[in-house]
């Protein structure tokens, strides 16, 4: 714009440039509208899917833990029976039966230890549930922001209150990690023992 133009023409040219810029912004907002709408529809579905995964994993894990507990109880019962057999053996076959019973007790101990290891490993569900809850909380936050943007584009400011009331209350450790245990079970048991 040249400095020789009269003031009204300069103002008119500035207004035209401003109107052109505003029109470009409106076009860009319209281009954003469809992807934002699509994203705001997909995020709740992703959150629901994460919740479903968590619930199904939890149910399967509890079922496996129940079965492992039964295995442990059966092994413990077998160990007790073998110990009793050792006491009841007659003197003339003691050496042979005692060795067999000792081997069976050793195997039962190994099986028990394996079962306890499985039970410990199955605690992954709690950690993965915390990780999924963290992901779901992030998705819900994105959903709320997308709804706010959509509301602003439509001129509706009430979209935030709907999102907050529909949110599921989540408790999680965002740093939960299956392979990096920060606390072992004995520390937790000690803590509860001190409270009783």
C-alpha atoms as a PDB file:
ATOM      1  CA  UNK A   1       0.000   0.000   0.000  1.00  0.00           C
ATOM      2  CA  UNK A   2       1.494   3.304  -1.044  1.00  0.00           C
ATOM      3  CA  UNK A   3       1.682   6.304   1.213  1.00  0.00           C
ATOM      4  CA  UNK A   4       0.325   8.607  -1.555  1.00  0.00           C
ATOM      5  CA  UNK A   5      -3.220   7.205  -1.368  1.00  0.00           C
ATOM      6  CA  UNK A   6      -5.866   9.273   0.335  1.00  0.00           C
ATOM      7  CA  UNK A   7      -6.841   8.147   3.837  1.00  0.00           C
ATOM      8  CA  UNK A   8     -10.325   6.786   2.914  1.00  0.00           C
ATOM      9  CA  UNK A   9      -8.779   4.577   0.215  1.00  0.00           C
ATOM     10  CA  UNK A  10      -6.143   3.322   2.664  1.00  0.00           C
ATOM     11  CA  UNK A  11      -8.845   2.488   5.193  1.00  0.00           C
ATOM     12  CA  UNK A  12     -10.930   0.756   2.525  1.00  0.00           C
ATOM     13  CA  UNK A  13      -7.929  -1.296   1.384  1.00  0.00           C
ATOM     14  CA  UNK A  14      -7.091  -2.255   5.011  1.00  0.00           C
ATOM     15  CA  UNK A  15     -10.710  -3.296   5.601  1.00  0.00           C
ATOM     16  CA  UNK A  16     -10.685  -5.402   2.419  1.00  0.00           C
ATOM     17  CA  UNK A  17      -7.445  -7.119   3.495  1.00  0.00           C
ATOM     18  CA  UNK A  18      -8.882  -7.702   6.967  1.00  0.00           C
ATOM     19  CA  UNK A  19     -12.096  -9.136   5.476  1.00  0.00           C
ATOM     20  CA  UNK A  20     -10.026 -11.408   3.234  1.00  0.00           C
ATOM     21  CA  UNK A  21      -8.002 -12.636   6.224  1.00  0.00           C
ATOM     22  CA  UNK A  22     -11.171 -13.279   8.227  1.00  0.00           C
ATOM     23  CA  UNK A  23     -12.655 -15.212   5.288  1.00  0.00           C
ATOM     24  CA  UNK A  24      -9.509 -17.371   5.155  1.00  0.00           C
ATOM     25  CA  UNK A  25      -9.807 -18.053   8.896  1.00  0.00           C
ATOM     26  CA  UNK A  26     -13.480 -19.019   8.485  1.00  0.00           C
ATOM     27  CA  UNK A  27     -12.569 -21.386   5.636  1.00  0.00           C
ATOM     28  CA  UNK A  28      -9.860 -22.988   7.812  1.00  0.00           C
ATOM     29  CA  UNK A  29     -12.323 -23.387  10.710  1.00  0.00           C
ATOM     30  CA  UNK A  30     -14.780 -25.072   8.346  1.00  0.00           C
ATOM     31  CA  UNK A  31     -12.005 -27.403   7.173  1.00  0.00           C
ATOM     32  CA  UNK A  32     -11.265 -28.287  10.817  1.00  0.00           C
ATOM     33  CA  UNK A  33     -14.915 -28.908  11.645  1.00  0.00           C
ATOM     34  CA  UNK A  34     -15.213 -32.346   9.981  1.00  0.00           C
ATOM     35  CA  UNK A  35     -12.000 -33.879  11.444  1.00  0.00           C
ATOM     36  CA  UNK A  36     -12.856 -32.475  14.866  1.00  0.00           C
ATOM     37  CA  UNK A  37     -16.369 -33.890  14.676  1.00  0.00           C
ATOM     38  CA  UNK A  38     -15.027 -37.266  13.553  1.00  0.00           C
ATOM     39  CA  UNK A  39     -12.437 -37.302  16.356  1.00  0.00           C
ATOM     40  CA  UNK A  40     -14.987 -36.356  18.983  1.00  0.00           C
ATOM     41  CA  UNK A  41     -17.115 -39.342  17.896  1.00  0.00           C
ATOM     42  CA  UNK A  42     -14.221 -41.836  17.919  1.00  0.00           C
ATOM     43  CA  UNK A  43     -12.643 -40.923  21.251  1.00  0.00           C
ATOM     44  CA  UNK A  44     -15.603 -42.126  23.398  1.00  0.00           C
ATOM     45  CA  UNK A  45     -15.594 -45.425  21.519  1.00  0.00           C
ATOM     46  CA  UNK A  46     -11.886 -45.883  22.250  1.00  0.00           C
ATOM     47  CA  UNK A  47     -12.485 -45.149  25.922  1.00  0.00           C
ATOM     48  CA  UNK A  48     -15.342 -47.670  26.061  1.00  0.00           C
ATOM     49  CA  UNK A  49     -13.117 -50.266  24.398  1.00  0.00           C
ATOM     50  CA  UNK A  50     -10.342 -49.737  26.938  1.00  0.00           C
ATOM     51  CA  UNK A  51     -12.871 -50.192  29.759  1.00  0.00           C
ATOM     52  CA  UNK A  52     -14.136 -53.399  28.138  1.00  0.00           C
ATOM     53  CA  UNK A  53     -10.589 -54.765  27.795  1.00  0.00           C
ATOM     54  CA  UNK A  54      -9.904 -54.011  31.434  1.00  0.00           C
ATOM     55  CA  UNK A  55     -13.103 -55.722  32.632  1.00  0.00           C
ATOM     56  CA  UNK A  56     -12.523 -58.841  30.514  1.00  0.00           C
ATOM     57  CA  UNK A  57      -8.882 -59.111  31.521  1.00  0.00           C
ATOM     58  CA  UNK A  58      -9.841 -58.731  35.167  1.00  0.00           C
ATOM     59  CA  UNK A  59     -12.478 -61.471  34.951  1.00  0.00           C
ATOM     60  CA  UNK A  60     -10.081 -63.899  33.243  1.00  0.00           C
ATOM     61  CA  UNK A  61      -7.334 -63.122  35.726  1.00  0.00           C
ATOM     62  CA  UNK A  62      -9.578 -63.732  38.733  1.00  0.00           C
ATOM     63  CA  UNK A  63     -10.668 -67.053  37.254  1.00  0.00           C
ATOM     64  CA  UNK A  64      -7.042 -68.132  36.775  1.00  0.00           C
ATOM     65  CA  UNK A  65      -6.063 -66.972  40.258  1.00  0.00           C
ATOM     66  CA  UNK A  66      -8.916 -69.016  41.757  1.00  0.00           C
ATOM     67  CA  UNK A  67      -7.720 -72.123  39.931  1.00  0.00           C
ATOM     68  CA  UNK A  68      -4.107 -71.600  40.936  1.00  0.00           C
ATOM     69  CA  UNK A  69      -5.198 -71.245  44.577  1.00  0.00           C
ATOM     70  CA  UNK A  70      -6.969 -74.611  44.308  1.00  0.00           C
ATOM     71  CA  UNK A  71      -3.835 -76.186  42.829  1.00  0.00           C
ATOM     72  CA  UNK A  72      -1.771 -74.822  45.695  1.00  0.00           C
ATOM     73  CA  UNK A  73      -4.239 -76.222  48.229  1.00  0.00           C
ATOM     74  CA  UNK A  74      -4.158 -79.663  46.579  1.00  0.00           C
ATOM     75  CA  UNK A  75      -0.366 -79.661  46.586  1.00  0.00           C
ATOM     76  CA  UNK A  76      -0.305 -78.636  50.253  1.00  0.00           C
ATOM     77  CA  UNK A  77      -2.730 -81.482  51.058  1.00  0.00           C
ATOM     78  CA  UNK A  78      -0.524 -83.933  49.136  1.00  0.00           C
ATOM     79  CA  UNK A  79       2.542 -82.795  51.048  1.00  0.00           C
ATOM     80  CA  UNK A  80       0.729 -83.400  54.339  1.00  0.00           C
ATOM     81  CA  UNK A  81      -0.347 -86.867  53.230  1.00  0.00           C
ATOM     82  CA  UNK A  82       3.159 -87.795  52.160  1.00  0.00           C
ATOM     83  CA  UNK A  83       4.529 -86.618  55.484  1.00  0.00           C
ATOM     84  CA  UNK A  84       2.010 -88.824  57.274  1.00  0.00           C
ATOM     85  CA  UNK A  85       2.959 -91.792  55.058  1.00  0.00           C
ATOM     86  CA  UNK A  86       6.573 -91.360  56.113  1.00  0.00           C
ATOM     87  CA  UNK A  87       5.539 -91.648  59.772  1.00  0.00           C
ATOM     88  CA  UNK A  88       3.432 -94.761  59.215  1.00  0.00           C
ATOM     89  CA  UNK A  89       5.926 -96.803  57.183  1.00  0.00           C
ATOM     90  CA  UNK A  90       7.082-100.069  58.661  1.00  0.00           C
ATOM     91  CA  UNK A  91      10.733-100.404  59.519  1.00  0.00           C
ATOM     92  CA  UNK A  92      11.522-103.041  56.894  1.00  0.00           C
ATOM     93  CA  UNK A  93      10.677-100.732  53.886  1.00  0.00           C
ATOM     94  CA  UNK A  94      11.548 -97.397  55.421  1.00  0.00           C
ATOM     95  CA  UNK A  95      14.573 -96.677  53.237  1.00  0.00           C
ATOM     96  CA  UNK A  96      12.786 -97.267  49.936  1.00  0.00           C
ATOM     97  CA  UNK A  97       9.517 -95.519  50.749  1.00  0.00           C
ATOM     98  CA  UNK A  98      11.159 -92.683  52.616  1.00  0.00           C
ATOM     99  CA  UNK A  99      13.291 -91.805  49.559  1.00  0.00           C
ATOM    100  CA  UNK A 100      10.220 -91.881  47.333  1.00  0.00           C
ATOM    101  CA  UNK A 101       8.254 -89.734  49.759  1.00  0.00           C
ATOM    102  CA  UNK A 102      11.138 -87.237  50.008  1.00  0.00           C
ATOM    103  CA  UNK A 103      11.232 -86.947  46.204  1.00  0.00           C
ATOM    104  CA  UNK A 104       7.472 -86.404  46.071  1.00  0.00           C
ATOM    105  CA  UNK A 105       7.674 -83.732  48.773  1.00  0.00           C
ATOM    106  CA  UNK A 106      10.453 -81.986  46.831  1.00  0.00           C
ATOM    107  CA  UNK A 107       8.335 -82.046  43.665  1.00  0.00           C
ATOM    108  CA  UNK A 108       5.338 -80.755  45.584  1.00  0.00           C
ATOM    109  CA  UNK A 109       7.460 -77.888  46.939  1.00  0.00           C
ATOM    110  CA  UNK A 110       8.579 -76.995  43.408  1.00  0.00           C
ATOM    111  CA  UNK A 111       4.985 -77.127  42.175  1.00  0.00           C
ATOM    112  CA  UNK A 112       3.856 -74.864  45.025  1.00  0.00           C
ATOM    113  CA  UNK A 113       6.623 -72.392  44.261  1.00  0.00           C
ATOM    114  CA  UNK A 114       5.643 -72.428  40.583  1.00  0.00           C
ATOM    115  CA  UNK A 115       2.012 -71.811  41.475  1.00  0.00           C
ATOM    116  CA  UNK A 116       2.981 -68.873  43.710  1.00  0.00           C
ATOM    117  CA  UNK A 117       5.082 -67.495  40.863  1.00  0.00           C
ATOM    118  CA  UNK A 118       2.092 -67.779  38.517  1.00  0.00           C
ATOM    119  CA  UNK A 119      -0.111 -65.995  41.046  1.00  0.00           C
ATOM    120  CA  UNK A 120       2.437 -63.204  41.333  1.00  0.00           C
ATOM    121  CA  UNK A 121       2.738 -62.927  37.553  1.00  0.00           C
ATOM    122  CA  UNK A 122      -1.035 -62.743  37.173  1.00  0.00           C
ATOM    123  CA  UNK A 123      -1.020 -59.504  39.107  1.00  0.00           C
ATOM    124  CA  UNK A 124      -0.281 -57.922  35.715  1.00  0.00           C
ATOM    125  CA  UNK A 125      -4.000 -57.238  35.428  1.00  0.00           C
ATOM    126  CA  UNK A 126      -3.871 -54.588  38.121  1.00  0.00           C
ATOM    127  CA  UNK A 127      -0.969 -52.871  36.427  1.00  0.00           C
ATOM    128  CA  UNK A 128      -2.439 -53.086  32.927  1.00  0.00           C
ATOM    129  CA  UNK A 129      -5.783 -51.848  34.266  1.00  0.00           C
ATOM    130  CA  UNK A 130      -4.004 -48.824  35.746  1.00  0.00           C
ATOM    131  CA  UNK A 131      -2.251 -48.202  32.434  1.00  0.00           C
ATOM    132  CA  UNK A 132      -5.528 -48.504  30.530  1.00  0.00           C
ATOM    133  CA  UNK A 133      -7.280 -46.217  33.020  1.00  0.00           C
ATOM    134  CA  UNK A 134      -4.540 -43.665  32.477  1.00  0.00           C
ATOM    135  CA  UNK A 135      -4.995 -43.943  28.697  1.00  0.00           C
ATOM    136  CA  UNK A 136      -8.769 -43.682  29.071  1.00  0.00           C
ATOM    137  CA  UNK A 137      -8.417 -40.592  31.265  1.00  0.00           C
ATOM    138  CA  UNK A 138      -6.220 -38.999  28.614  1.00  0.00           C
ATOM    139  CA  UNK A 139      -8.754 -39.859  25.920  1.00  0.00           C
ATOM    140  CA  UNK A 140     -11.560 -38.404  28.040  1.00  0.00           C
ATOM    141  CA  UNK A 141      -9.534 -35.227  28.448  1.00  0.00           C
ATOM    142  CA  UNK A 142      -9.047 -35.026  24.670  1.00  0.00           C
ATOM    143  CA  UNK A 143     -12.749 -35.681  24.196  1.00  0.00           C
ATOM    144  CA  UNK A 144     -13.623 -32.809  26.529  1.00  0.00           C
ATOM    145  CA  UNK A 145     -11.292 -30.457  24.679  1.00  0.00           C
ATOM    146  CA  UNK A 146     -12.711 -31.510  21.313  1.00  0.00           C
ATOM    147  CA  UNK A 147     -16.246 -30.957  22.592  1.00  0.00           C
ATOM    148  CA  UNK A 148     -15.259 -27.504  23.814  1.00  0.00           C
ATOM    149  CA  UNK A 149     -13.861 -26.686  20.364  1.00  0.00           C
ATOM    150  CA  UNK A 150     -16.997 -28.051  18.696  1.00  0.00           C
ATOM    151  CA  UNK A 151     -19.152 -26.035  21.085  1.00  0.00           C
ATOM    152  CA  UNK A 152     -17.164 -22.892  20.355  1.00  0.00           C
ATOM    153  CA  UNK A 153     -17.523 -23.448  16.610  1.00  0.00           C
ATOM    154  CA  UNK A 154     -21.283 -23.881  17.033  1.00  0.00           C
ATOM    155  CA  UNK A 155     -21.547 -21.028  19.511  1.00  0.00           C
ATOM    156  CA  UNK A 156     -22.555 -23.405  22.336  1.00  0.00           C
ATOM    157  CA  UNK A 157     -20.712 -22.923  25.633  1.00  0.00           C
ATOM    158  CA  UNK A 158     -22.572 -25.664  27.614  1.00  0.00           C
ATOM    159  CA  UNK A 159     -20.660 -28.640  26.152  1.00  0.00           C
ATOM    160  CA  UNK A 160     -18.170 -28.756  29.081  1.00  0.00           C
ATOM    161  CA  UNK A 161     -20.765 -29.528  31.757  1.00  0.00           C
ATOM    162  CA  UNK A 162     -22.099 -32.537  29.802  1.00  0.00           C
ATOM    163  CA  UNK A 163     -18.615 -34.030  29.488  1.00  0.00           C
ATOM    164  CA  UNK A 164     -17.722 -33.610  33.169  1.00  0.00           C
ATOM    165  CA  UNK A 165     -20.926 -35.231  34.414  1.00  0.00           C
ATOM    166  CA  UNK A 166     -20.499 -38.252  32.101  1.00  0.00           C
ATOM    167  CA  UNK A 167     -16.874 -38.897  33.095  1.00  0.00           C
ATOM    168  CA  UNK A 168     -16.109 -42.134  34.931  1.00  0.00           C
ATOM    169  CA  UNK A 169     -14.170 -41.667  38.146  1.00  0.00           C
ATOM    170  CA  UNK A 170     -10.772 -43.307  37.658  1.00  0.00           C
ATOM    171  CA  UNK A 171      -8.037 -44.161  40.134  1.00  0.00           C
ATOM    172  CA  UNK A 172      -4.712 -45.125  38.644  1.00  0.00           C
ATOM    173  CA  UNK A 173      -0.971 -44.874  38.884  1.00  0.00           C
ATOM    174  CA  UNK A 174       0.219 -43.384  35.582  1.00  0.00           C
ATOM    175  CA  UNK A 175       3.652 -44.888  36.232  1.00  0.00           C
ATOM    176  CA  UNK A 176       2.451 -48.460  36.899  1.00  0.00           C
ATOM    177  CA  UNK A 177       4.816 -50.939  35.296  1.00  0.00           C
ATOM    178  CA  UNK A 178       4.632 -54.718  35.336  1.00  0.00           C
ATOM    179  CA  UNK A 179       8.382 -55.166  35.054  1.00  0.00           C
ATOM    180  CA  UNK A 180       9.573 -52.457  37.438  1.00  0.00           C
ATOM    181  CA  UNK A 181       8.087 -53.320  40.815  1.00  0.00           C
ATOM    182  CA  UNK A 182       8.652 -50.521  43.285  1.00  0.00           C
ATOM    183  CA  UNK A 183       7.190 -52.397  46.270  1.00  0.00           C
ATOM    184  CA  UNK A 184       7.246 -56.091  47.042  1.00  0.00           C
ATOM    185  CA  UNK A 185       4.428 -58.051  48.645  1.00  0.00           C
ATOM    186  CA  UNK A 186       6.263 -58.516  51.955  1.00  0.00           C
ATOM    187  CA  UNK A 187       6.442 -54.727  52.457  1.00  0.00           C
ATOM    188  CA  UNK A 188       2.684 -54.484  51.913  1.00  0.00           C
ATOM    189  CA  UNK A 189       2.027 -57.409  54.281  1.00  0.00           C
ATOM    190  CA  UNK A 190       4.230 -55.756  56.944  1.00  0.00           C
ATOM    191  CA  UNK A 191       2.314 -52.506  56.585  1.00  0.00           C
ATOM    192  CA  UNK A 192      -1.032 -54.238  57.183  1.00  0.00           C
ATOM    193  CA  UNK A 193       0.386 -56.314  60.062  1.00  0.00           C
ATOM    194  CA  UNK A 194       1.410 -53.120  61.880  1.00  0.00           C
ATOM    195  CA  UNK A 195      -2.127 -51.703  61.618  1.00  0.00           C
ATOM    196  CA  UNK A 196      -3.772 -54.706  63.290  1.00  0.00           C
END
